[in-house]
Amino acid sequence: MNQPSSARVAAVDVGASSGRVMVGAVSAEAVQLDEAHRFANGPVRVSGTLHWDILSVYRGVLEGLRAAGHGGALDAVGIDTWAVDYGLLDSTGALLGNPVHYRDGRTDGVMAKVLAQAGADRVYAVTGVQFLPFNTAYQLAAASGTPQLAAAERLLLVPDLLAHWLSGAEVAELTNASTTQLLDVVQRQWSTELLAELGIPPRLLPGLVEPGERIGELQPDVLDDTGLAGPVPVVAVGSHDTASAVVGVPAESDRFAYISCGTWSLVGVELSRPVLTDASRQANFTNELGVDGTVRYLRNVMGLWLLQESVRTWQAEGLTIDLPTLLARAAQVQPFAALVDPDDARFLPPGNQPGRVRDFCEQTGQRPPGSPPEVVRCIVDSLALAHRRAVRQAQGLSGRDVEVIHVVGGGARNALLCQLTADACGLPVVAGPVEATALGNALVQARSLGVLRGGLADLRRLLVRTQDLVTYRPRGTQAAWDAAERRVFA
C-alpha cells in the first residue's frame, strides 16, 4: 500500500485562557499551520467553586472543525490541552458536572494530608511527579465522599473527555496520565498501589494509549455538526500540551533545555529515563512522559500568568494597556530594583498580581515597584531568574549537558524575557516557534498517517528547515545575575 505524500490535519490546542483549531498541512518537505478558529476559555465561579465551562470548550472545538472543513477534507484530528483536570462520567456516559478548575481552593491543605498518609518519598519513587497542590491525586482526595465521585464510573482527563465526545473512545493518553501522580513512571501503567492507598477505584481510570495511536473516528453526530465527510480518524497525540510543545522544539542535538512558555513556564530537559533520586524530589522536579518513550524532566514555574493577570487587573482599573509598549518601557527600568519568587503560593490564584508583587517586596525589605513598567520589569527579571535556576538544577540533577535553550510558545514573542533569560543562564536562547504545541500535535498525527517517518530528531529537522527562529546571545552579566539570585533563592 502506497503511503500518502501529504496530510491535512486538525490540531485542537486548548489552553487555560483560549483554545484554537489549527489546520496543519504536512509533507516530508514542509509544514504549514493556519488558524481555522479561536475561542475563549475561562473559569466560571458557581457557588464558590471555580469550574471550567467544558461544554463551551467543546462547542468551540466543533466550530473549529467546521471552519477547518471549509478548506478541504481532514485526514485526522488530534487534541491537546492542559493537564490534571478531569470530568466524571456516570454509568450512562453522562458528564457529572463541569470539571473543577485546578486553581480552585478545594485542594488547599489536601496535599499535606495525603503525603502524611502515603509518604512523600514513596509517592515520588513511584510517580516521579513534582508536588503541586492541584495534582489530580489531590483533587480526587478533595472530592472523596462527594455524591458526584460516588456516582462516577469513569474519569477522563480533559483532552480525553473531548476526544471521547468526538469519537466515543474512553482512553487515557499516556503523556497527560503521567501528570496525575497516579501513574507508575517506570512501568508506564496506573499504580495499583497508590490507587489502593488513596481509595480510588481502579475502574475509574481507562486504559492507556501511546501518542500516535488511532483511538477512533469522528462519530456520525459530529460529522453532521461539522459538515465533515468521514471517515476522519481521531489520533492520540501528546495530549498534555507541553508534551506536544516539546515535540515542536527545533533542536539540532540532544544537548538542549526547553522552556515552554505561556501561562506556565515548563523548564526542563528531555531524557530517556526518569530521575527518581531524593535530590530530585527535594528540588520538586517532575518526570512526565513524552512522545516516543521520552521523559520530560522539568519544573513548573509560574510563568506569564503573573503578567497576564497584571494586565487584566490594570485594564479592570480603567488603564489602557498596550503590551508591546509596556514591555518596551519595562526594558528601560533599572534591572533588579525589585524581585519576587514567581512560585510563591500567593501568586497562584486569580487576582490582583501587582498588589501581591508589592506585598512580597514589602515583606522582604525591598522598595515595592510603583508604575506598571516597574511591576513588569520586576516580573520579567524574576521569571528570568526562575528560568536560570530551573535550567541549572535540571542539568545538575539529570547529568544532561545543555548548550542551548529553546523558548517555545507565546513567550517566544516576548523579546525582553528571551534576552534576559539568555543573560541569566549564560546560554544562547533560540526563540520559536510560537506555535510549537500545534506543530507537535500535527507532526505526530502526520507520522501516524504515514506521511512522516522516523523519530523525534527527524520531526525536529523538518522544523529547523521550515520555521522562523530568533537567537538571543548572552551579554556577559553573570555576576549581576548571581547576586540577584542570592537575593531571591538564597
Protein backbone atom coordinates (compact mmCIF):
# COMPACT_ATOMS: atom_id res chain seq x y z
CA MET A 1 0.00 0.00 0.00
CA ASN A 2 1.41 3.39 -1.00
CA GLN A 3 1.96 5.87 1.81
CA PRO A 4 0.33 9.32 1.42
CA SER A 5 2.71 12.13 0.50
CA SER A 6 0.87 14.81 2.46
CA ALA A 7 -1.84 15.21 5.07
CA ARG A 8 -4.26 17.90 6.18
CA VAL A 9 -4.91 17.54 9.90
CA ALA A 10 -6.75 19.48 12.60
CA ALA A 11 -4.64 20.22 15.67
CA VAL A 12 -7.01 21.12 18.51
CA ASP A 13 -5.00 23.04 21.13
CA VAL A 14 -6.84 24.28 24.21
CA GLY A 15 -5.10 26.40 26.81
CA ALA A 16 -6.10 27.97 30.10
CA SER A 17 -7.39 31.19 28.54
CA SER A 18 -8.23 30.28 24.94
CA GLY A 19 -8.47 27.42 22.51
CA ARG A 20 -7.96 27.14 18.81
CA VAL A 21 -8.21 24.69 15.98
CA MET A 22 -5.19 24.86 13.70
CA VAL A 23 -5.04 23.21 10.30
CA GLY A 24 -1.69 21.61 9.59
CA ALA A 25 -0.66 20.87 6.03
CA VAL A 26 2.25 18.45 6.38
CA SER A 27 4.57 16.73 3.94
CA ALA A 28 8.14 15.47 4.15
CA GLU A 29 9.34 18.85 2.86
CA ALA A 30 7.06 21.36 4.55
CA VAL A 31 4.70 22.01 7.43
CA GLN A 32 2.29 24.92 7.41
CA LEU A 33 -0.20 25.94 10.09
CA ASP A 34 -3.28 28.07 9.59
CA GLU A 35 -5.71 29.08 12.30
CA ALA A 36 -9.22 27.90 11.48
CA HIS A 37 -10.93 29.12 14.64
CA ARG A 38 -10.12 30.59 18.04
CA PHE A 39 -12.41 30.66 21.06
CA ALA A 40 -12.28 31.94 24.62
CA ASN A 41 -11.78 29.64 27.57
CA GLY A 42 -12.03 30.89 31.09
CA PRO A 43 -13.15 29.78 34.54
CA VAL A 44 -16.67 30.28 35.87
CA ARG A 45 -17.28 30.54 39.61
CA VAL A 46 -20.50 28.90 40.76
CA SER A 47 -21.48 28.78 44.44
CA GLY A 48 -17.89 29.41 45.45
CA THR A 49 -16.29 26.75 43.21
CA LEU A 50 -14.21 27.59 40.15
CA HIS A 51 -15.18 25.45 37.14
CA TRP A 52 -14.24 25.06 33.51
CA ASP A 53 -17.10 25.68 31.06
CA ILE A 54 -16.34 22.43 29.27
CA LEU A 55 -19.42 22.47 27.02
CA SER A 56 -18.41 25.89 25.74
CA VAL A 57 -14.95 24.47 25.03
CA TYR A 58 -16.46 21.54 23.14
CA ARG A 59 -18.66 23.89 21.14
CA GLY A 60 -15.52 25.83 20.21
CA VAL A 61 -13.89 22.59 19.05
CA LEU A 62 -16.88 21.73 16.86
CA GLU A 63 -16.97 25.23 15.38
CA GLY A 64 -13.26 24.96 14.71
CA LEU A 65 -13.61 21.63 12.94
CA ARG A 66 -16.44 23.07 10.86
CA ALA A 67 -14.24 26.02 9.87
CA ALA A 68 -11.33 23.69 9.14
CA GLY A 69 -13.54 21.65 6.83
CA HIS A 70 -14.30 24.67 4.67
CA GLY A 71 -10.75 24.49 3.33
CA GLY A 72 -10.91 20.83 2.33
CA ALA A 73 -11.14 17.33 3.73
CA LEU A 74 -9.42 16.46 7.01
CA ASP A 75 -7.25 13.37 7.27
CA ALA A 76 -7.20 13.28 11.10
CA VAL A 77 -7.89 15.17 14.33
CA GLY A 78 -5.72 15.35 17.46
CA ILE A 79 -6.35 17.11 20.78
CA ASP A 80 -4.06 18.59 23.41
CA THR A 81 -4.99 20.64 26.48
CA TRP A 82 -3.66 21.49 29.92
CA ALA A 83 -3.10 18.72 32.46
CA VAL A 84 -4.52 17.36 35.77
CA ASP A 85 -8.19 18.41 35.45
CA TYR A 86 -10.86 15.84 34.64
CA GLY A 87 -14.54 15.10 34.06
CA LEU A 88 -16.50 12.30 35.70
CA LEU A 89 -18.98 10.16 33.75
CA ASP A 90 -21.82 8.09 35.19
CA SER A 91 -22.84 4.59 34.09
CA THR A 92 -24.73 6.01 31.08
CA GLY A 93 -21.73 8.08 29.93
CA ALA A 94 -23.27 11.38 31.06
CA LEU A 95 -20.98 14.06 32.46
CA LEU A 96 -21.44 14.57 36.20
CA GLY A 97 -20.94 18.33 36.34
CA ASN A 98 -18.43 20.76 34.94
CA PRO A 99 -14.78 19.91 35.68
CA VAL A 100 -13.33 21.87 38.59
CA HIS A 101 -10.54 24.32 37.74
CA TYR A 102 -7.09 23.48 39.10
CA ARG A 103 -6.86 26.99 40.62
CA ASP A 104 -9.93 26.36 42.78
CA GLY A 105 -9.30 26.34 46.51
CA ARG A 106 -10.80 22.91 47.21
CA THR A 107 -7.33 21.33 47.36
CA ASP A 108 -5.95 23.81 49.91
CA GLY A 109 -4.18 21.74 52.57
CA VAL A 110 -5.08 18.42 50.94
CA MET A 111 -1.63 17.62 49.58
CA ALA A 112 -0.06 17.73 53.05
CA LYS A 113 -2.69 15.31 54.40
CA VAL A 114 -2.26 12.87 51.51
CA LEU A 115 1.53 12.89 51.77
CA ALA A 116 1.37 12.41 55.54
CA GLN A 117 -0.63 9.26 54.84
CA ALA A 118 1.19 7.92 51.77
CA GLY A 119 4.70 9.30 52.33
CA ALA A 120 6.24 11.87 50.01
CA ASP A 121 9.33 9.79 49.31
CA ARG A 122 7.26 6.74 48.37
CA VAL A 123 4.87 8.72 46.16
CA TYR A 124 7.78 10.31 44.33
CA ALA A 125 9.63 7.00 43.93
CA VAL A 126 6.58 5.57 42.13
CA THR A 127 5.29 8.55 40.13
CA GLY A 128 8.30 10.87 39.78
CA VAL A 129 5.84 13.78 39.72
CA GLN A 130 6.51 17.08 41.43
CA PHE A 131 4.33 18.02 44.36
CA LEU A 132 1.81 20.61 43.26
CA PRO A 133 -1.37 21.22 45.27
CA PHE A 134 -3.64 20.77 42.27
CA ASN A 135 -2.37 17.40 41.01
CA THR A 136 -5.19 15.02 40.09
CA ALA A 137 -4.44 12.79 43.07
CA TYR A 138 -5.16 15.67 45.46
CA GLN A 139 -8.22 16.79 43.52
CA LEU A 140 -9.65 13.29 43.92
CA ALA A 141 -8.78 13.27 47.60
CA ALA A 142 -10.60 16.60 47.96
CA ALA A 143 -13.63 15.10 46.19
CA SER A 144 -13.70 11.99 48.39
CA GLY A 145 -17.13 11.35 49.83
CA THR A 146 -18.98 13.62 47.41
CA PRO A 147 -22.11 12.32 45.66
CA GLN A 148 -20.54 13.09 42.29
CA LEU A 149 -17.49 10.92 42.86
CA ALA A 150 -19.64 8.17 44.37
CA ALA A 151 -21.78 8.10 41.21
CA ALA A 152 -18.82 8.14 38.82
CA GLU A 153 -17.97 5.15 36.66
CA ARG A 154 -15.19 6.74 34.61
CA LEU A 155 -12.68 9.57 34.96
CA LEU A 156 -11.45 11.23 31.78
CA LEU A 157 -8.79 13.91 31.74
CA VAL A 158 -9.87 16.98 29.77
CA PRO A 159 -8.29 16.11 26.38
CA ASP A 160 -9.54 12.53 26.71
CA LEU A 161 -13.03 13.83 27.55
CA LEU A 162 -13.11 15.98 24.41
CA ALA A 163 -11.79 13.06 22.35
CA HIS A 164 -14.49 10.85 23.88
CA TRP A 165 -17.24 13.19 22.75
CA LEU A 166 -15.74 13.29 19.26
CA SER A 167 -15.06 9.58 18.84
CA GLY A 168 -16.74 7.61 21.60
CA ALA A 169 -13.39 6.26 22.83
CA GLU A 170 -12.71 6.06 26.58
CA VAL A 171 -8.92 6.12 26.93
CA ALA A 172 -6.19 7.87 28.86
CA GLU A 173 -3.35 9.20 26.72
CA LEU A 174 -0.04 8.49 28.43
CA THR A 175 1.65 11.91 28.50
CA ASN A 176 -1.29 13.52 30.30
CA ALA A 177 -1.90 10.50 32.51
CA SER A 178 1.67 10.85 33.78
CA THR A 179 0.84 14.25 35.33
CA THR A 180 -1.86 12.87 37.63
CA GLN A 181 0.53 11.46 40.29
CA LEU A 182 -1.32 8.16 39.89
CA LEU A 183 0.92 6.57 37.24
CA ASP A 184 3.96 4.37 37.80
CA VAL A 185 6.51 6.28 35.73
CA VAL A 186 8.85 3.32 35.28
CA GLN A 187 6.20 0.72 34.43
CA ARG A 188 4.18 3.28 32.43
CA GLN A 189 0.97 1.91 33.95
CA TRP A 190 -1.53 3.09 36.56
CA SER A 191 -0.12 2.43 40.03
CA THR A 192 -2.44 -0.07 41.70
CA GLU A 193 -0.51 0.51 44.92
CA LEU A 194 -1.23 4.24 45.02
CA LEU A 195 -4.82 3.82 43.87
CA ALA A 196 -5.42 1.45 46.78
CA GLU A 197 -3.62 3.77 49.21
CA LEU A 198 -5.78 6.72 48.15
CA GLY A 199 -9.02 4.73 47.95
CA ILE A 200 -9.50 5.35 44.22
CA PRO A 201 -11.41 2.54 42.46
CA PRO A 202 -9.27 1.26 39.55
CA ARG A 203 -12.40 1.08 37.37
CA LEU A 204 -12.45 4.89 37.27
CA LEU A 205 -9.29 5.00 35.16
CA PRO A 206 -9.46 3.96 31.50
CA GLY A 207 -6.88 2.03 29.52
CA LEU A 208 -3.72 3.84 28.48
CA VAL A 209 -2.73 4.69 24.91
CA GLU A 210 0.52 5.99 23.43
CA PRO A 211 0.81 9.14 21.30
CA GLY A 212 0.30 8.23 17.65
CA GLU A 213 -2.36 5.57 18.26
CA ARG A 214 -5.64 5.89 16.41
CA ILE A 215 -8.34 5.77 19.07
CA GLY A 216 -11.43 6.03 16.86
CA GLU A 217 -13.20 8.10 14.25
CA LEU A 218 -15.46 11.15 14.38
CA GLN A 219 -18.92 9.95 15.31
CA PRO A 220 -21.89 10.47 12.94
CA ASP A 221 -23.37 13.30 15.02
CA VAL A 222 -20.01 15.09 14.96
CA LEU A 223 -19.79 14.71 11.19
CA ASP A 224 -23.31 16.14 10.94
CA ASP A 225 -22.49 19.08 13.24
CA THR A 226 -19.25 19.95 11.46
CA GLY A 227 -20.17 19.12 7.85
CA LEU A 228 -17.08 16.93 7.52
CA ALA A 229 -17.04 13.88 5.30
CA GLY A 230 -16.00 10.73 7.11
CA PRO A 231 -14.22 8.68 7.98
CA VAL A 232 -11.95 11.05 9.94
CA PRO A 233 -9.59 9.29 12.39
CA VAL A 234 -9.03 10.70 15.87
CA VAL A 235 -5.35 10.27 16.74
CA ALA A 236 -3.90 10.36 20.24
CA VAL A 237 -1.12 12.96 20.24
CA GLY A 238 0.92 14.26 23.16
CA SER A 239 -2.37 15.33 24.74
CA HIS A 240 -0.64 17.25 27.51
CA ASP A 241 0.08 20.48 25.66
CA THR A 242 3.64 20.55 26.98
CA ALA A 243 4.29 17.10 25.52
CA SER A 244 3.23 18.36 22.10
CA ALA A 245 5.23 21.57 22.61
CA VAL A 246 8.40 19.57 23.31
CA VAL A 247 7.89 17.62 20.09
CA GLY A 248 7.77 21.07 18.44
CA VAL A 249 11.18 22.15 19.79
CA PRO A 250 13.50 22.67 16.78
CA ALA A 251 16.52 21.10 18.48
CA GLU A 252 19.52 20.00 16.43
CA SER A 253 21.08 17.81 19.15
CA ASP A 254 20.06 16.34 22.50
CA ARG A 255 22.03 18.95 24.45
CA PHE A 256 19.19 21.39 24.85
CA ALA A 257 16.89 22.69 27.52
CA TYR A 258 13.41 23.88 26.70
CA ILE A 259 11.10 26.47 28.17
CA SER A 260 7.53 26.01 27.03
CA CYS A 261 6.49 29.49 27.98
CA GLY A 262 2.89 30.59 28.33
CA THR A 263 0.64 30.85 31.36
CA TRP A 264 3.19 28.49 32.91
CA SER A 265 6.87 28.15 32.11
CA LEU A 266 7.73 24.47 31.87
CA VAL A 267 11.52 24.37 32.15
CA GLY A 268 13.50 21.20 31.64
CA VAL A 269 15.39 18.68 29.53
CA GLU A 270 14.40 15.60 27.55
CA LEU A 271 15.66 12.28 28.90
CA SER A 272 15.36 8.59 28.13
CA ARG A 273 14.63 7.57 31.73
CA PRO A 274 13.24 9.25 34.86
CA VAL A 275 15.32 10.76 37.64
CA LEU A 276 13.90 9.47 40.93
CA THR A 277 16.62 10.49 43.37
CA ASP A 278 15.90 12.12 46.69
CA ALA A 279 17.71 15.25 45.48
CA SER A 280 15.28 15.41 42.55
CA ARG A 281 12.33 15.06 44.91
CA GLN A 282 13.60 17.80 47.18
CA ALA A 283 14.11 20.10 44.18
CA ASN A 284 10.49 19.31 43.21
CA PHE A 285 11.29 18.28 39.65
CA THR A 286 8.79 16.23 37.72
CA ASN A 287 9.23 13.26 35.39
CA GLU A 288 6.38 13.47 32.90
CA LEU A 289 6.22 11.06 30.00
CA GLY A 290 6.77 12.34 26.49
CA VAL A 291 6.37 11.15 22.93
CA ASP A 292 8.42 8.14 21.75
CA GLY A 293 9.20 6.86 25.23
CA THR A 294 10.92 10.05 26.37
CA VAL A 295 10.75 11.69 29.78
CA ARG A 296 10.08 15.38 30.19
CA TYR A 297 12.22 16.18 33.21
CA LEU A 298 11.11 19.64 34.21
CA ARG A 299 9.96 22.09 36.80
CA ASN A 300 6.83 24.23 36.66
CA VAL A 301 7.50 27.94 37.02
CA MET A 302 4.51 30.25 37.44
CA GLY A 303 5.21 31.82 34.04
CA LEU A 304 3.47 34.63 32.21
CA TRP A 305 0.42 34.17 34.44
CA LEU A 306 1.80 36.96 36.61
CA LEU A 307 1.99 39.32 33.63
CA GLN A 308 -1.37 38.23 32.19
CA GLU A 309 -3.17 38.76 35.48
CA SER A 310 -1.42 42.12 35.99
CA VAL A 311 -2.64 43.34 32.61
CA ARG A 312 -6.16 42.13 33.43
CA THR A 313 -6.04 43.97 36.77
CA TRP A 314 -4.87 47.24 35.21
CA GLN A 315 -7.50 47.05 32.49
CA ALA A 316 -10.18 46.43 35.12
CA GLU A 317 -8.95 49.59 36.84
CA GLY A 318 -9.54 51.52 33.61
CA LEU A 319 -5.97 51.75 32.35
CA THR A 320 -5.28 51.36 28.63
CA ILE A 321 -2.57 48.72 28.30
CA ASP A 322 -0.62 48.01 25.12
CA LEU A 323 1.65 45.12 26.00
CA PRO A 324 4.45 45.75 23.43
CA THR A 325 4.68 49.37 24.59
CA LEU A 326 4.61 48.30 28.23
CA LEU A 327 7.43 45.79 27.66
CA ALA A 328 9.50 48.42 25.81
CA ARG A 329 9.10 50.80 28.75
CA ALA A 330 9.94 47.99 31.19
CA ALA A 331 13.19 47.40 29.30
CA GLN A 332 14.27 50.92 30.32
CA VAL A 333 13.61 50.34 34.03
CA GLN A 334 16.59 49.70 36.30
CA PRO A 335 17.19 45.93 36.45
CA PHE A 336 16.82 44.06 39.75
CA ALA A 337 15.25 47.05 41.50
CA ALA A 338 12.71 44.61 42.95
CA LEU A 339 12.47 40.83 42.68
CA VAL A 340 9.93 38.17 43.66
CA ASP A 341 9.81 34.40 43.76
CA PRO A 342 7.29 33.65 40.97
CA ASP A 343 6.43 30.32 42.60
CA ASP A 344 5.32 31.85 45.88
CA ALA A 345 1.87 30.43 46.66
CA ARG A 346 0.28 33.90 46.80
CA PHE A 347 0.63 34.22 43.02
CA LEU A 348 -1.30 31.02 42.16
CA PRO A 349 -4.95 32.20 42.42
CA PRO A 350 -6.51 34.74 40.05
CA GLY A 351 -6.46 38.26 41.44
CA ASN A 352 -4.54 41.50 41.84
CA GLN A 353 -1.00 40.39 40.99
CA PRO A 354 0.51 43.93 41.05
CA GLY A 355 -0.73 44.23 44.64
CA ARG A 356 0.73 40.84 45.51
CA VAL A 357 4.06 41.79 43.94
CA ARG A 358 4.16 44.92 46.10
CA ASP A 359 3.22 42.92 49.20
CA PHE A 360 6.02 40.42 48.52
CA CYS A 361 8.55 43.22 48.13
CA GLU A 362 7.45 44.99 51.32
CA GLN A 363 7.64 41.76 53.29
CA THR A 364 11.16 41.07 52.01
CA GLY A 365 12.51 44.55 52.72
CA GLN A 366 12.53 45.83 49.12
CA ARG A 367 11.13 49.04 47.72
CA PRO A 368 7.88 47.99 46.01
CA PRO A 369 7.55 48.78 42.30
CA GLY A 370 5.04 51.53 41.59
CA SER A 371 4.22 52.09 37.95
CA PRO A 372 3.12 49.34 35.54
CA PRO A 373 6.52 49.33 33.76
CA GLU A 374 8.27 48.86 37.12
CA VAL A 375 5.96 45.98 38.04
CA VAL A 376 6.52 44.37 34.64
CA ARG A 377 10.31 44.69 34.94
CA CYS A 378 10.14 43.08 38.38
CA ILE A 379 8.07 40.18 36.96
CA VAL A 380 10.27 39.62 33.89
CA ASP A 381 13.55 39.84 35.84
CA SER A 382 12.11 37.37 38.35
CA LEU A 383 10.94 34.95 35.67
CA ALA A 384 14.36 35.02 34.01
CA LEU A 385 15.92 34.20 37.39
CA ALA A 386 13.48 31.33 37.89
CA HIS A 387 14.33 30.03 34.41
CA ARG A 388 18.05 30.19 35.26
CA ARG A 389 17.52 28.30 38.50
CA ALA A 390 15.43 25.57 36.85
CA VAL A 391 17.80 25.08 33.89
CA ARG A 392 20.82 24.76 36.19
CA GLN A 393 19.02 22.38 38.50
CA ALA A 394 17.85 20.25 35.57
CA GLN A 395 21.44 19.93 34.36
CA GLY A 396 22.82 19.08 37.78
CA LEU A 397 20.13 16.59 38.75
CA SER A 398 19.96 14.77 35.40
CA GLY A 399 23.60 14.95 34.30
CA ARG A 400 22.49 16.29 30.92
CA ASP A 401 24.77 18.98 29.43
CA VAL A 402 22.93 21.96 27.96
CA GLU A 403 24.38 24.06 25.16
CA VAL A 404 21.27 25.97 24.06
CA ILE A 405 17.86 26.87 25.47
CA HIS A 406 14.78 26.73 23.25
CA VAL A 407 11.90 29.00 24.22
CA VAL A 408 8.68 27.94 22.52
CA GLY A 409 5.09 29.06 22.86
CA GLY A 410 3.73 32.56 23.41
CA GLY A 411 6.76 33.59 25.47
CA ALA A 412 8.91 33.33 22.34
CA ARG A 413 7.32 36.64 21.27
CA ASN A 414 8.50 38.37 24.45
CA ALA A 415 11.89 39.67 23.34
CA LEU A 416 12.67 41.16 26.76
CA LEU A 417 12.06 37.87 28.57
CA CYS A 418 14.04 35.89 25.97
CA GLN A 419 17.04 38.23 26.17
CA LEU A 420 17.00 38.30 29.97
CA THR A 421 16.76 34.50 30.05
CA ALA A 422 19.84 34.28 27.82
CA ASP A 423 21.64 36.75 30.08
CA ALA A 424 20.59 34.96 33.26
CA CYS A 425 21.53 31.48 32.04
CA GLY A 426 24.68 32.49 30.16
CA LEU A 427 23.49 30.43 27.18
CA PRO A 428 22.04 31.26 23.77
CA VAL A 429 18.27 31.26 23.62
CA VAL A 430 16.53 30.22 20.40
CA ALA A 431 13.01 31.64 20.38
CA GLY A 432 10.30 29.91 18.39
CA PRO A 433 8.19 28.52 17.08
CA VAL A 434 5.36 30.27 18.85
CA GLU A 435 3.03 27.51 17.64
CA ALA A 436 5.23 24.65 18.90
CA THR A 437 2.31 22.89 20.58
CA ALA A 438 0.10 22.82 17.49
CA LEU A 439 3.10 21.86 15.35
CA GLY A 440 3.98 18.96 17.63
CA ASN A 441 0.35 17.87 17.60
CA ALA A 442 0.20 17.98 13.78
CA LEU A 443 3.54 16.22 13.29
CA VAL A 444 2.53 13.26 15.46
CA GLN A 445 -0.71 12.96 13.50
CA ALA A 446 1.12 13.12 10.17
CA ARG A 447 3.55 10.41 11.27
CA SER A 448 0.65 8.23 12.40
CA LEU A 449 -0.85 8.61 8.93
CA GLY A 450 2.44 7.55 7.30
CA VAL A 451 3.27 10.95 5.81
CA LEU A 452 6.36 11.34 8.01
CA ARG A 453 8.77 8.70 9.20
CA GLY A 454 11.50 8.41 11.79
CA GLY A 455 11.88 9.60 15.35
CA LEU A 456 11.74 12.93 17.12
CA ALA A 457 15.06 14.04 15.62
CA ASP A 458 13.57 13.62 12.13
CA LEU A 459 10.45 15.58 13.01
CA ARG A 460 12.55 18.36 14.52
CA ARG A 461 14.80 18.61 11.46
CA LEU A 462 11.69 19.49 9.48
CA LEU A 463 11.00 22.33 11.93
CA VAL A 464 14.58 23.60 11.76
CA ARG A 465 14.24 23.86 7.98
CA THR A 466 10.82 25.47 7.92
CA GLN A 467 10.29 27.68 11.00
CA ASP A 468 11.30 31.28 11.66
CA LEU A 469 13.59 31.36 14.70
CA VAL A 470 15.34 34.19 16.57
CA THR A 471 18.56 33.69 18.57
CA TYR A 472 19.41 35.79 21.66
CA ARG A 473 23.03 35.78 22.84
CA PRO A 474 24.01 36.26 26.50
CA ARG A 475 25.53 39.66 27.23
CA GLY A 476 28.07 38.59 29.85
CA THR A 477 26.37 39.84 33.00
CA GLN A 478 26.64 36.70 35.14
CA ALA A 479 27.95 38.42 38.28
CA ALA A 480 24.88 40.64 38.47
CA TRP A 481 22.59 37.65 37.98
CA ASP A 482 24.48 35.68 40.64
CA ALA A 483 23.84 38.47 43.13
CA ALA A 484 20.18 38.76 42.10
CA GLU A 485 19.65 35.02 42.52
CA ARG A 486 21.06 35.12 46.03
CA ARG A 487 18.53 37.80 46.93
CA VAL A 488 15.57 35.63 45.88
CA PHE A 489 16.55 31.99 46.24
CA ALA A 490 19.24 32.01 48.92
